[in-house]
């Protein structure tokens, strides 16, 4: 487990089609400074609004995860964010020239491949960790949702 924050060494782009919009879109990952977090920037909208990838900005989960902030939204962010978290990255700016991330092959693999290709850079700042002190269970039987979060150790 990395104790320092990490970003990518260089920018890298992938292109594809949005699953729900059917629009062609290019997504570009950029290195970001310490404590930046994950942010999406809609470069197709005047003023290029930025949307923090934060649970407080989730506005819809009916057909993927949509985040909204500063008058702009990004749809279907979950596979992009899964690739970043899975690679233990902390700070990345993600440019999009459309309203939805490309679906690629339906997984995070092509995002991961692109990010691995440019490599990673350790930053000076320490990582902040969210620790779960005890088991947490969440269930929505009508939606067939059942989740359990457990402490790492």
C-alpha atoms as a PDB file:
ATOM      1  CA  UNK A   1       0.000   0.000   0.000  1.00  0.00           C
ATOM      2  CA  UNK A   2       1.423   3.380  -1.012  1.00  0.00           C
ATOM      3  CA  UNK A   3       1.835   5.955   1.748  1.00  0.00           C
ATOM      4  CA  UNK A   4       2.513   8.910  -0.558  1.00  0.00           C
ATOM      5  CA  UNK A   5       0.079  10.462  -3.029  1.00  0.00           C
ATOM      6  CA  UNK A   6       0.490   9.534  -6.691  1.00  0.00           C
ATOM      7  CA  UNK A   7      -0.361  10.941 -10.091  1.00  0.00           C
ATOM      8  CA  UNK A   8       0.456   9.968 -13.677  1.00  0.00           C
ATOM      9  CA  UNK A   9       3.712  10.951 -15.411  1.00  0.00           C
ATOM     10  CA  UNK A  10       2.137  12.341 -18.594  1.00  0.00           C
ATOM     11  CA  UNK A  11      -1.202  12.976 -20.223  1.00  0.00           C
ATOM     12  CA  UNK A  12      -2.892  10.198 -22.142  1.00  0.00           C
ATOM     13  CA  UNK A  13      -6.138  10.073 -24.141  1.00  0.00           C
ATOM     14  CA  UNK A  14      -8.694   7.437 -25.044  1.00  0.00           C
ATOM     15  CA  UNK A  15     -11.660   7.819 -27.384  1.00  0.00           C
ATOM     16  CA  UNK A  16     -14.905   5.944 -27.717  1.00  0.00           C
ATOM     17  CA  UNK A  17     -18.673   6.185 -27.559  1.00  0.00           C
ATOM     18  CA  UNK A  18     -20.857   7.012 -24.585  1.00  0.00           C
ATOM     19  CA  UNK A  19     -23.000   4.039 -23.595  1.00  0.00           C
ATOM     20  CA  UNK A  20     -26.201   5.998 -22.987  1.00  0.00           C
ATOM     21  CA  UNK A  21     -25.726   9.068 -25.210  1.00  0.00           C
ATOM     22  CA  UNK A  22     -24.172   7.308 -28.198  1.00  0.00           C
ATOM     23  CA  UNK A  23     -21.912  10.351 -28.631  1.00  0.00           C
ATOM     24  CA  UNK A  24     -18.246  10.060 -29.636  1.00  0.00           C
ATOM     25  CA  UNK A  25     -16.047  11.407 -26.863  1.00  0.00           C
ATOM     26  CA  UNK A  26     -12.363  11.807 -26.092  1.00  0.00           C
ATOM     27  CA  UNK A  27     -11.225  11.537 -22.493  1.00  0.00           C
ATOM     28  CA  UNK A  28      -7.774  12.826 -21.533  1.00  0.00           C
ATOM     29  CA  UNK A  29      -6.092  12.043 -18.215  1.00  0.00           C
ATOM     30  CA  UNK A  30      -3.684  14.769 -16.997  1.00  0.00           C
ATOM     31  CA  UNK A  31      -1.198  14.717 -14.113  1.00  0.00           C
ATOM     32  CA  UNK A  32      -2.433  16.846 -11.210  1.00  0.00           C
ATOM     33  CA  UNK A  33      -0.743  18.448  -8.202  1.00  0.00           C
ATOM     34  CA  UNK A  34      -0.817  17.105  -4.663  1.00  0.00           C
ATOM     35  CA  UNK A  35      -4.194  17.176  -2.883  1.00  0.00           C
ATOM     36  CA  UNK A  36      -6.023  17.816  -6.176  1.00  0.00           C
ATOM     37  CA  UNK A  37      -8.036  14.606  -6.120  1.00  0.00           C
ATOM     38  CA  UNK A  38     -10.004  13.429  -9.152  1.00  0.00           C
ATOM     39  CA  UNK A  39     -11.752  16.130 -11.166  1.00  0.00           C
ATOM     40  CA  UNK A  40     -13.551  16.067 -14.500  1.00  0.00           C
ATOM     41  CA  UNK A  41     -13.350  19.114 -16.796  1.00  0.00           C
ATOM     42  CA  UNK A  42     -15.976  19.542 -19.522  1.00  0.00           C
ATOM     43  CA  UNK A  43     -13.885  21.140 -22.281  1.00  0.00           C
ATOM     44  CA  UNK A  44     -16.887  21.142 -24.646  1.00  0.00           C
ATOM     45  CA  UNK A  45     -18.738  23.710 -22.504  1.00  0.00           C
ATOM     46  CA  UNK A  46     -17.959  27.424 -22.389  1.00  0.00           C
ATOM     47  CA  UNK A  47     -15.872  28.204 -19.318  1.00  0.00           C
ATOM     48  CA  UNK A  48     -14.766  24.557 -19.092  1.00  0.00           C
ATOM     49  CA  UNK A  49     -16.515  23.815 -15.774  1.00  0.00           C
ATOM     50  CA  UNK A  50     -14.822  21.429 -13.371  1.00  0.00           C
ATOM     51  CA  UNK A  51     -16.688  18.724 -11.470  1.00  0.00           C
ATOM     52  CA  UNK A  52     -15.126  17.175  -8.381  1.00  0.00           C
ATOM     53  CA  UNK A  53     -15.458  13.394  -8.291  1.00  0.00           C
ATOM     54  CA  UNK A  54     -17.060  13.509  -4.865  1.00  0.00           C
ATOM     55  CA  UNK A  55     -19.966  11.557  -3.423  1.00  0.00           C
ATOM     56  CA  UNK A  56     -21.660  14.876  -2.583  1.00  0.00           C
ATOM     57  CA  UNK A  57     -21.835  15.608  -6.331  1.00  0.00           C
ATOM     58  CA  UNK A  58     -23.632  12.371  -7.274  1.00  0.00           C
ATOM     59  CA  UNK A  59     -26.983  13.347  -8.787  1.00  0.00           C
ATOM     60  CA  UNK A  60     -28.168  10.128 -10.427  1.00  0.00           C
ATOM     61  CA  UNK A  61     -27.420   6.422 -10.183  1.00  0.00           C
ATOM     62  CA  UNK A  62     -30.267   5.012 -12.264  1.00  0.00           C
ATOM     63  CA  UNK A  63     -28.192   4.088 -15.355  1.00  0.00           C
ATOM     64  CA  UNK A  64     -24.650   4.597 -14.185  1.00  0.00           C
ATOM     65  CA  UNK A  65     -23.240   7.258 -11.897  1.00  0.00           C
ATOM     66  CA  UNK A  66     -23.715  10.921 -12.810  1.00  0.00           C
ATOM     67  CA  UNK A  67     -21.904  13.744 -11.020  1.00  0.00           C
ATOM     68  CA  UNK A  68     -22.936  17.392 -11.288  1.00  0.00           C
ATOM     69  CA  UNK A  69     -21.276  20.631 -10.179  1.00  0.00           C
ATOM     70  CA  UNK A  70     -20.832  24.163 -11.498  1.00  0.00           C
ATOM     71  CA  UNK A  71     -23.751  23.777 -13.918  1.00  0.00           C
ATOM     72  CA  UNK A  72     -22.266  20.746 -15.686  1.00  0.00           C
ATOM     73  CA  UNK A  73     -22.611  16.977 -15.444  1.00  0.00           C
ATOM     74  CA  UNK A  74     -20.613  13.906 -16.403  1.00  0.00           C
ATOM     75  CA  UNK A  75     -22.387  10.585 -16.880  1.00  0.00           C
ATOM     76  CA  UNK A  76     -21.106   7.040 -16.352  1.00  0.00           C
ATOM     77  CA  UNK A  77     -18.013   7.929 -14.313  1.00  0.00           C
ATOM     78  CA  UNK A  78     -17.718   4.653 -12.395  1.00  0.00           C
ATOM     79  CA  UNK A  79     -15.326   2.734 -14.691  1.00  0.00           C
ATOM     80  CA  UNK A  80     -12.949   5.681 -15.020  1.00  0.00           C
ATOM     81  CA  UNK A  81     -12.879   6.198 -11.260  1.00  0.00           C
ATOM     82  CA  UNK A  82     -12.458   2.463 -10.615  1.00  0.00           C
ATOM     83  CA  UNK A  83      -9.353   2.449 -12.818  1.00  0.00           C
ATOM     84  CA  UNK A  84      -7.808   5.360 -10.898  1.00  0.00           C
ATOM     85  CA  UNK A  85      -8.554   3.908  -7.470  1.00  0.00           C
ATOM     86  CA  UNK A  86      -7.450   0.428  -8.508  1.00  0.00           C
ATOM     87  CA  UNK A  87      -4.084   1.814  -9.610  1.00  0.00           C
ATOM     88  CA  UNK A  88      -3.733   3.653  -6.279  1.00  0.00           C
ATOM     89  CA  UNK A  89      -3.711   7.078  -7.913  1.00  0.00           C
ATOM     90  CA  UNK A  90      -4.778  10.179  -5.980  1.00  0.00           C
ATOM     91  CA  UNK A  91      -4.519  13.222  -8.232  1.00  0.00           C
ATOM     92  CA  UNK A  92      -5.722  13.253 -11.839  1.00  0.00           C
ATOM     93  CA  UNK A  93      -7.549  15.828 -13.966  1.00  0.00           C
ATOM     94  CA  UNK A  94      -9.837  14.243 -16.558  1.00  0.00           C
ATOM     95  CA  UNK A  95     -10.846  16.278 -19.624  1.00  0.00           C
ATOM     96  CA  UNK A  96     -13.967  15.283 -21.557  1.00  0.00           C
ATOM     97  CA  UNK A  97     -15.273  16.747 -24.810  1.00  0.00           C
ATOM     98  CA  UNK A  98     -18.773  15.372 -24.223  1.00  0.00           C
ATOM     99  CA  UNK A  99     -21.339  14.609 -21.520  1.00  0.00           C
ATOM    100  CA  UNK A 100     -20.389  10.992 -20.861  1.00  0.00           C
ATOM    101  CA  UNK A 101     -17.230   8.941 -20.510  1.00  0.00           C
ATOM    102  CA  UNK A 102     -16.586   6.418 -23.298  1.00  0.00           C
ATOM    103  CA  UNK A 103     -17.765   2.894 -22.463  1.00  0.00           C
ATOM    104  CA  UNK A 104     -14.741   1.277 -24.181  1.00  0.00           C
ATOM    105  CA  UNK A 105     -15.074  -2.522 -23.697  1.00  0.00           C
ATOM    106  CA  UNK A 106     -17.500  -2.185 -20.775  1.00  0.00           C
ATOM    107  CA  UNK A 107     -14.804  -2.506 -18.121  1.00  0.00           C
ATOM    108  CA  UNK A 108     -11.949  -0.391 -16.766  1.00  0.00           C
ATOM    109  CA  UNK A 109      -9.267  -2.336 -18.659  1.00  0.00           C
ATOM    110  CA  UNK A 110      -8.621   0.129 -21.498  1.00  0.00           C
ATOM    111  CA  UNK A 111      -8.401   3.044 -19.043  1.00  0.00           C
ATOM    112  CA  UNK A 112      -5.960   1.022 -16.938  1.00  0.00           C
ATOM    113  CA  UNK A 113      -3.854   0.096 -19.981  1.00  0.00           C
ATOM    114  CA  UNK A 114      -3.601   3.759 -21.035  1.00  0.00           C
ATOM    115  CA  UNK A 115      -2.626   4.889 -17.534  1.00  0.00           C
ATOM    116  CA  UNK A 116      -0.045   2.114 -17.084  1.00  0.00           C
ATOM    117  CA  UNK A 117       1.477   3.089 -20.441  1.00  0.00           C
ATOM    118  CA  UNK A 118       2.380   6.609 -19.208  1.00  0.00           C
ATOM    119  CA  UNK A 119       3.462   5.464 -15.750  1.00  0.00           C
ATOM    120  CA  UNK A 120       3.045   6.859 -12.272  1.00  0.00           C
ATOM    121  CA  UNK A 121       4.792   9.471 -10.173  1.00  0.00           C
ATOM    122  CA  UNK A 122       5.011   9.541  -6.399  1.00  0.00           C
ATOM    123  CA  UNK A 123       4.341  12.944  -4.869  1.00  0.00           C
ATOM    124  CA  UNK A 124       5.614  14.440  -1.597  1.00  0.00           C
ATOM    125  CA  UNK A 125       2.265  14.651   0.220  1.00  0.00           C
ATOM    126  CA  UNK A 126       1.093  11.782   2.400  1.00  0.00           C
ATOM    127  CA  UNK A 127      -2.031   9.875   1.426  1.00  0.00           C
ATOM    128  CA  UNK A 128      -5.093  10.220   3.589  1.00  0.00           C
ATOM    129  CA  UNK A 129      -6.868   6.971   4.359  1.00  0.00           C
ATOM    130  CA  UNK A 130     -10.462   6.268   5.237  1.00  0.00           C
ATOM    131  CA  UNK A 131     -10.515   3.483   7.793  1.00  0.00           C
ATOM    132  CA  UNK A 132     -13.542   1.346   8.494  1.00  0.00           C
ATOM    133  CA  UNK A 133     -13.445   0.406  12.199  1.00  0.00           C
ATOM    134  CA  UNK A 134     -16.226  -2.210  12.053  1.00  0.00           C
ATOM    135  CA  UNK A 135     -18.406  -4.084   9.559  1.00  0.00           C
ATOM    136  CA  UNK A 136     -20.982  -1.938   7.772  1.00  0.00           C
ATOM    137  CA  UNK A 137     -23.952  -3.554   6.045  1.00  0.00           C
ATOM    138  CA  UNK A 138     -26.233  -1.782   3.543  1.00  0.00           C
ATOM    139  CA  UNK A 139     -29.211  -3.352   1.835  1.00  0.00           C
ATOM    140  CA  UNK A 140     -32.042  -2.284  -0.483  1.00  0.00           C
ATOM    141  CA  UNK A 141     -34.059  -5.416  -1.112  1.00  0.00           C
ATOM    142  CA  UNK A 142     -36.368  -3.787  -3.670  1.00  0.00           C
ATOM    143  CA  UNK A 143     -33.317  -2.923  -5.808  1.00  0.00           C
ATOM    144  CA  UNK A 144     -31.503  -6.172  -4.971  1.00  0.00           C
ATOM    145  CA  UNK A 145     -28.597  -4.265  -3.419  1.00  0.00           C
ATOM    146  CA  UNK A 146     -26.624  -5.873  -0.618  1.00  0.00           C
ATOM    147  CA  UNK A 147     -23.195  -4.533   0.367  1.00  0.00           C
ATOM    148  CA  UNK A 148     -20.814  -5.171   3.228  1.00  0.00           C
ATOM    149  CA  UNK A 149     -17.720  -3.095   4.044  1.00  0.00           C
ATOM    150  CA  UNK A 150     -15.203  -4.591   6.469  1.00  0.00           C
ATOM    151  CA  UNK A 151     -12.017  -3.393   8.173  1.00  0.00           C
ATOM    152  CA  UNK A 152      -8.805  -4.097   6.270  1.00  0.00           C
ATOM    153  CA  UNK A 153      -7.229  -6.123   9.055  1.00  0.00           C
END
